[in-house]
C-alpha atoms as a PDB file:
ATOM      1  CA  MET A   1      81.789 -53.015  84.628  1.00  0.00           C
ATOM      2  CA  THR A   2      80.963 -51.303  87.948  1.00  0.00           C
ATOM      3  CA  HIS A   3      77.972 -48.988  87.809  1.00  0.00           C
ATOM      4  CA  PRO A   4      79.040 -45.377  88.578  1.00  0.00           C
ATOM      5  CA  ALA A   5      76.349 -44.983  91.195  1.00  0.00           C
ATOM      6  CA  SER A   6      77.584 -48.097  93.169  1.00  0.00           C
ATOM      7  CA  TYR A   7      81.133 -46.781  92.963  1.00  0.00           C
ATOM      8  CA  PHE A   8      79.957 -43.467  94.399  1.00  0.00           C
ATOM      9  CA  LEU A   9      78.007 -45.201  97.142  1.00  0.00           C
ATOM     10  CA  SER A  10      80.901 -47.385  98.169  1.00  0.00           C
ATOM     11  CA  ARG A  11      83.316 -44.369  98.329  1.00  0.00           C
ATOM     12  CA  ARG A  12      80.733 -42.395 100.226  1.00  0.00           C
ATOM     13  CA  SER A  13      80.254 -45.261 102.723  1.00  0.00           C
ATOM     14  CA  LEU A  14      84.044 -45.437 103.166  1.00  0.00           C
ATOM     15  CA  PHE A  15      84.168 -41.687 103.847  1.00  0.00           C
ATOM     16  CA  VAL A  16      81.279 -41.720 106.336  1.00  0.00           C
ATOM     17  CA  GLY A  17      82.884 -44.752 108.017  1.00  0.00           C
ATOM     18  CA  ALA A  18      86.202 -42.983 108.404  1.00  0.00           C
ATOM     19  CA  LEU A  19      84.443 -39.901 109.818  1.00  0.00           C
ATOM     20  CA  SER A  20      82.610 -42.041 112.337  1.00  0.00           C
ATOM     21  CA  VAL A  21      85.887 -43.469 113.507  1.00  0.00           C
ATOM     22  CA  LEU A  22      87.347 -39.978 114.021  1.00  0.00           C
ATOM     23  CA  ALA A  23      84.267 -38.706 115.694  1.00  0.00           C
ATOM     24  CA  THR A  24      84.553 -40.895 118.815  1.00  0.00           C
ATOM     25  CA  PRO A  25      82.809 -39.233 121.738  1.00  0.00           C
ATOM     26  CA  ALA A  26      86.108 -38.313 123.416  1.00  0.00           C
ATOM     27  CA  PHE A  27      87.596 -36.666 120.373  1.00  0.00           C
ATOM     28  CA  ALA A  28      84.338 -35.088 119.055  1.00  0.00           C
ATOM     29  CA  ASN A  29      83.602 -33.407 122.392  1.00  0.00           C
ATOM     30  CA  VAL A  30      87.101 -32.017 123.157  1.00  0.00           C
ATOM     31  CA  GLY A  31      87.573 -28.925 121.017  1.00  0.00           C
ATOM     32  CA  PRO A  32      89.625 -25.783 120.976  1.00  0.00           C
ATOM     33  CA  ASP A  33      86.918 -23.882 122.839  1.00  0.00           C
ATOM     34  CA  LEU A  34      87.925 -25.861 125.985  1.00  0.00           C
ATOM     35  CA  LEU A  35      91.608 -24.844 125.724  1.00  0.00           C
ATOM     36  CA  LYS A  36      91.580 -21.900 128.030  1.00  0.00           C
ATOM     37  CA  GLY A  37      92.836 -20.845 131.403  1.00  0.00           C
ATOM     38  CA  THR A  38      95.129 -23.518 132.868  1.00  0.00           C
ATOM     39  CA  LEU A  39      94.776 -25.637 129.706  1.00  0.00           C
ATOM     40  CA  ALA A  40      95.663 -22.845 127.205  1.00  0.00           C
ATOM     41  CA  LYS A  41      98.937 -24.762 126.362  1.00  0.00           C
ATOM     42  CA  PHE A  42      97.176 -28.121 125.843  1.00  0.00           C
ATOM     43  CA  GLU A  43      97.936 -29.386 122.332  1.00  0.00           C
ATOM     44  CA  LEU A  44      94.925 -31.079 120.835  1.00  0.00           C
ATOM     45  CA  ALA A  45      95.756 -33.767 118.250  1.00  0.00           C
ATOM     46  CA  SER A  46      94.377 -33.110 114.745  1.00  0.00           C
ATOM     47  CA  ALA A  47      92.922 -36.655 114.915  1.00  0.00           C
ATOM     48  CA  PRO A  48      93.070 -39.454 117.536  1.00  0.00           C
ATOM     49  CA  LYS A  49      96.544 -40.849 117.394  1.00  0.00           C
ATOM     50  CA  ALA A  50      97.262 -44.603 117.743  1.00  0.00           C
ATOM     51  CA  LEU A  51      99.688 -45.261 120.603  1.00  0.00           C
ATOM     52  CA  PRO A  52     102.270 -48.022 120.719  1.00  0.00           C
ATOM     53  CA  GLU A  53     101.804 -50.938 123.091  1.00  0.00           C
ATOM     54  CA  ILE A  54     103.234 -49.625 126.339  1.00  0.00           C
ATOM     55  CA  GLY A  55     103.770 -51.364 129.647  1.00  0.00           C
ATOM     56  CA  PHE A  56     104.215 -50.092 133.207  1.00  0.00           C
ATOM     57  CA  ALA A  57     103.786 -51.289 136.762  1.00  0.00           C
ATOM     58  CA  ASP A  58     101.567 -50.338 139.600  1.00  0.00           C
ATOM     59  CA  GLY A  59     102.586 -49.816 143.197  1.00  0.00           C
ATOM     60  CA  ASP A  60     102.417 -53.550 143.847  1.00  0.00           C
ATOM     61  CA  ASP A  61     104.650 -54.256 140.909  1.00  0.00           C
ATOM     62  CA  LYS A  62     101.785 -55.661 138.825  1.00  0.00           C
ATOM     63  CA  ALA A  63     102.378 -55.315 135.060  1.00  0.00           C
ATOM     64  CA  LEU A  64      99.821 -53.121 133.312  1.00  0.00           C
ATOM     65  CA  THR A  65      99.199 -51.780 129.789  1.00  0.00           C
ATOM     66  CA  LEU A  66      96.844 -49.212 128.398  1.00  0.00           C
ATOM     67  CA  ALA A  67      94.661 -52.093 127.311  1.00  0.00           C
ATOM     68  CA  ASP A  68      93.851 -52.563 131.011  1.00  0.00           C
ATOM     69  CA  TYR A  69      92.038 -49.213 130.751  1.00  0.00           C
ATOM     70  CA  LYS A  70      90.058 -49.914 127.543  1.00  0.00           C
ATOM     71  CA  GLY A  71      86.770 -48.112 127.666  1.00  0.00           C
ATOM     72  CA  LYS A  72      88.065 -45.453 130.072  1.00  0.00           C
ATOM     73  CA  VAL A  73      89.480 -42.011 129.300  1.00  0.00           C
ATOM     74  CA  VAL A  74      92.990 -41.844 130.783  1.00  0.00           C
ATOM     75  CA  LEU A  75      95.034 -38.848 131.762  1.00  0.00           C
ATOM     76  CA  LEU A  76      98.590 -40.310 131.650  1.00  0.00           C
ATOM     77  CA  ASN A  77     100.826 -38.001 133.669  1.00  0.00           C
ATOM     78  CA  PHE A  78     104.603 -38.298 133.675  1.00  0.00           C
ATOM     79  CA  TRP A  79     106.172 -36.952 136.833  1.00  0.00           C
ATOM     80  CA  ALA A  80     108.886 -37.398 139.489  1.00  0.00           C
ATOM     81  CA  THR A  81     109.279 -36.495 143.147  1.00  0.00           C
ATOM     82  CA  TRP A  82     112.390 -34.402 142.282  1.00  0.00           C
ATOM     83  CA  CYS A  83     110.443 -32.286 139.740  1.00  0.00           C
ATOM     84  CA  ALA A  84     109.089 -29.124 141.475  1.00  0.00           C
ATOM     85  CA  PRO A  85     106.289 -28.367 138.912  1.00  0.00           C
ATOM     86  CA  CYS A  86     105.193 -32.089 139.155  1.00  0.00           C
ATOM     87  CA  VAL A  87     105.078 -31.888 142.963  1.00  0.00           C
ATOM     88  CA  LYS A  88     102.981 -28.723 142.672  1.00  0.00           C
ATOM     89  CA  GLU A  89     100.390 -30.334 140.305  1.00  0.00           C
ATOM     90  CA  MET A  90      99.980 -33.694 141.950  1.00  0.00           C
ATOM     91  CA  PRO A  91      97.350 -32.547 144.527  1.00  0.00           C
ATOM     92  CA  SER A  92      95.271 -31.105 141.690  1.00  0.00           C
ATOM     93  CA  LEU A  93      95.461 -34.384 139.833  1.00  0.00           C
ATOM     94  CA  ASP A  94      94.287 -36.108 143.029  1.00  0.00           C
ATOM     95  CA  ARG A  95      91.287 -33.787 143.320  1.00  0.00           C
ATOM     96  CA  LEU A  96      90.509 -34.214 139.538  1.00  0.00           C
ATOM     97  CA  GLN A  97      90.406 -38.074 140.074  1.00  0.00           C
ATOM     98  CA  ALA A  98      88.122 -37.623 143.064  1.00  0.00           C
ATOM     99  CA  GLU A  99      85.843 -35.301 141.111  1.00  0.00           C
ATOM    100  CA  MET A 100      85.609 -37.549 138.064  1.00  0.00           C
ATOM    101  CA  GLY A 101      85.332 -40.907 139.779  1.00  0.00           C
ATOM    102  CA  LYS A 102      86.869 -44.075 138.458  1.00  0.00           C
ATOM    103  CA  ASP A 103      84.145 -45.638 136.383  1.00  0.00           C
ATOM    104  CA  LYS A 104      84.950 -43.937 133.062  1.00  0.00           C
ATOM    105  CA  PHE A 105      88.092 -41.979 133.835  1.00  0.00           C
ATOM    106  CA  ALA A 106      91.569 -42.685 135.324  1.00  0.00           C
ATOM    107  CA  VAL A 107      94.426 -40.472 136.178  1.00  0.00           C
ATOM    108  CA  VAL A 108      97.580 -42.602 135.773  1.00  0.00           C
ATOM    109  CA  PRO A 109     100.507 -40.715 137.306  1.00  0.00           C
ATOM    110  CA  LEU A 110     103.500 -42.519 135.916  1.00  0.00           C
ATOM    111  CA  SER A 111     106.435 -41.920 138.166  1.00  0.00           C
ATOM    112  CA  LEU A 112     109.993 -41.711 136.717  1.00  0.00           C
ATOM    113  CA  ASP A 113     111.544 -42.126 140.181  1.00  0.00           C
ATOM    114  CA  GLY A 114     112.446 -45.781 139.628  1.00  0.00           C
ATOM    115  CA  PRO A 115     110.874 -49.223 139.868  1.00  0.00           C
ATOM    116  CA  SER A 116     109.850 -49.203 143.447  1.00  0.00           C
ATOM    117  CA  LYS A 117     107.880 -47.405 146.130  1.00  0.00           C
ATOM    118  CA  PRO A 118     110.534 -46.066 148.501  1.00  0.00           C
ATOM    119  CA  LYS A 119     110.251 -42.456 147.313  1.00  0.00           C
ATOM    120  CA  VAL A 120     106.741 -42.377 145.983  1.00  0.00           C
ATOM    121  CA  ALA A 121     104.688 -43.970 148.709  1.00  0.00           C
ATOM    122  CA  PRO A 122     105.967 -41.585 151.382  1.00  0.00           C
ATOM    123  CA  PHE A 123     105.381 -38.645 148.968  1.00  0.00           C
ATOM    124  CA  TYR A 124     101.717 -39.724 148.528  1.00  0.00           C
ATOM    125  CA  LYS A 125     101.242 -40.067 152.269  1.00  0.00           C
ATOM    126  CA  ASP A 126     102.882 -36.685 152.940  1.00  0.00           C
ATOM    127  CA  LYS A 127     100.716 -34.936 150.285  1.00  0.00           C
ATOM    128  CA  ASN A 128      97.554 -36.854 151.231  1.00  0.00           C
ATOM    129  CA  LEU A 129      97.077 -38.229 147.687  1.00  0.00           C
ATOM    130  CA  ALA A 130      94.246 -40.664 148.446  1.00  0.00           C
ATOM    131  CA  SER A 131      92.507 -40.847 144.957  1.00  0.00           C
ATOM    132  CA  LEU A 132      95.525 -41.608 142.879  1.00  0.00           C
ATOM    133  CA  GLY A 133      97.215 -44.995 142.334  1.00  0.00           C
ATOM    134  CA  ILE A 134     100.946 -45.435 142.279  1.00  0.00           C
ATOM    135  CA  TYR A 135     102.447 -46.326 138.944  1.00  0.00           C
ATOM    136  CA  PHE A 136     106.069 -46.611 137.632  1.00  0.00           C
ATOM    137  CA  ASP A 137     107.705 -46.404 134.179  1.00  0.00           C
ATOM    138  CA  LYS A 138     110.419 -48.975 134.645  1.00  0.00           C
ATOM    139  CA  GLY A 139     113.458 -48.098 132.554  1.00  0.00           C
ATOM    140  CA  LYS A 140     111.625 -45.040 131.205  1.00  0.00           C
ATOM    141  CA  LYS A 141     110.373 -47.082 128.263  1.00  0.00           C
ATOM    142  CA  VAL A 142     106.988 -45.410 128.108  1.00  0.00           C
ATOM    143  CA  GLN A 143     108.566 -41.973 128.385  1.00  0.00           C
ATOM    144  CA  GLN A 144     110.627 -42.827 125.306  1.00  0.00           C
ATOM    145  CA  ALA A 145     107.886 -44.522 123.359  1.00  0.00           C
ATOM    146  CA  LEU A 146     105.615 -41.547 123.761  1.00  0.00           C
ATOM    147  CA  ASP A 147     108.344 -39.036 123.072  1.00  0.00           C
ATOM    148  CA  VAL A 148     108.083 -37.263 126.459  1.00  0.00           C
ATOM    149  CA  SER A 149     111.124 -35.050 127.216  1.00  0.00           C
ATOM    150  CA  VAL A 150     109.734 -32.487 129.660  1.00  0.00           C
ATOM    151  CA  LEU A 151     108.218 -33.120 133.126  1.00  0.00           C
ATOM    152  CA  PRO A 152     105.461 -32.889 133.846  1.00  0.00           C
ATOM    153  CA  THR A 153     103.740 -33.995 130.664  1.00  0.00           C
ATOM    154  CA  SER A 154     100.116 -35.238 130.616  1.00  0.00           C
ATOM    155  CA  ILE A 155      98.651 -37.149 127.714  1.00  0.00           C
ATOM    156  CA  LEU A 156      94.828 -37.452 127.338  1.00  0.00           C
ATOM    157  CA  ILE A 157      93.884 -40.853 125.960  1.00  0.00           C
ATOM    158  CA  ASP A 158      90.385 -41.875 124.730  1.00  0.00           C
ATOM    159  CA  GLY A 159      88.679 -45.111 125.572  1.00  0.00           C
ATOM    160  CA  GLN A 160      90.116 -46.800 122.571  1.00  0.00           C
ATOM    161  CA  GLY A 161      93.701 -46.081 123.754  1.00  0.00           C
ATOM    162  CA  ARG A 162      94.418 -43.231 121.252  1.00  0.00           C
ATOM    163  CA  GLU A 163      96.054 -39.902 122.110  1.00  0.00           C
ATOM    164  CA  ILE A 164      93.595 -36.954 121.993  1.00  0.00           C
ATOM    165  CA  GLY A 165      96.171 -34.414 122.963  1.00  0.00           C
ATOM    166  CA  ARG A 166      98.888 -33.533 125.464  1.00  0.00           C
ATOM    167  CA  MET A 167      99.934 -30.840 127.954  1.00  0.00           C
ATOM    168  CA  VAL A 168     103.635 -30.147 128.365  1.00  0.00           C
ATOM    169  CA  GLY A 169     104.192 -28.429 131.655  1.00  0.00           C
ATOM    170  CA  GLU A 170     102.128 -28.121 134.755  1.00  0.00           C
ATOM    171  CA  ALA A 171      98.393 -27.422 135.011  1.00  0.00           C
ATOM    172  CA  ASP A 172      95.832 -26.887 137.741  1.00  0.00           C
ATOM    173  CA  TRP A 173      93.844 -30.043 136.919  1.00  0.00           C
ATOM    174  CA  ASP A 174      91.033 -29.359 139.311  1.00  0.00           C
ATOM    175  CA  LYS A 175      90.058 -25.975 137.804  1.00  0.00           C
ATOM    176  CA  PRO A 176      86.651 -25.783 136.081  1.00  0.00           C
ATOM    177  CA  GLU A 177      88.179 -25.718 132.598  1.00  0.00           C
ATOM    178  CA  ALA A 178      90.147 -28.906 133.228  1.00  0.00           C
ATOM    179  CA  ILE A 179      87.193 -30.657 134.729  1.00  0.00           C
ATOM    180  CA  ALA A 180      85.049 -29.529 131.789  1.00  0.00           C
ATOM    181  CA  MET A 181      87.600 -30.988 129.366  1.00  0.00           C
ATOM    182  CA  MET A 182      87.734 -34.337 131.142  1.00  0.00           C
ATOM    183  CA  LYS A 183      83.924 -34.544 131.331  1.00  0.00           C
ATOM    184  CA  ALA A 184      83.766 -33.715 127.536  1.00  0.00           C
ATOM    185  CA  ALA A 185      86.367 -36.474 126.847  1.00  0.00           C
ATOM    186  CA  VAL A 186      84.327 -38.975 128.805  1.00  0.00           C
ATOM    187  CA  GLY A 187      81.176 -37.931 126.873  1.00  0.00           C
END
């Protein structure tokens, strides 16, 4: 027969362990108090959400997955050159990446323009987007897997590859509240 005290301790340990998983630095530090100004419509997840295995390509057609960013907080942005709100927010994403650096944080602007550079590379050059990489969602598989139906949509992902929350629609990503949220997510 199990002693009641050991049963209590094992359940308590399980509960504390579960809380520690939820209290990852990125999730614990990003709270509703940061959802103001340009981020007022940011939808914070109730708990970090596991994401499916997703694959995309960079500007050199190299295959990548979110696992390539393990340990980094990622702002995964779905956009296209034909999307006016997307075009408007891209310079602010570039400035956000420049402000945050690339050691612990990455903006991954995932273009839905197609599998090659002909439209995106000239767009980057025209807009002077020097801090952002070029990435493509070939066949729009990532868009479908992550249930993205509106452009732009940005998904904030913790260093373990889990969704912290998302923003449907454009934002000014270089505003103080957005930078504060990204710094909180990085920890």
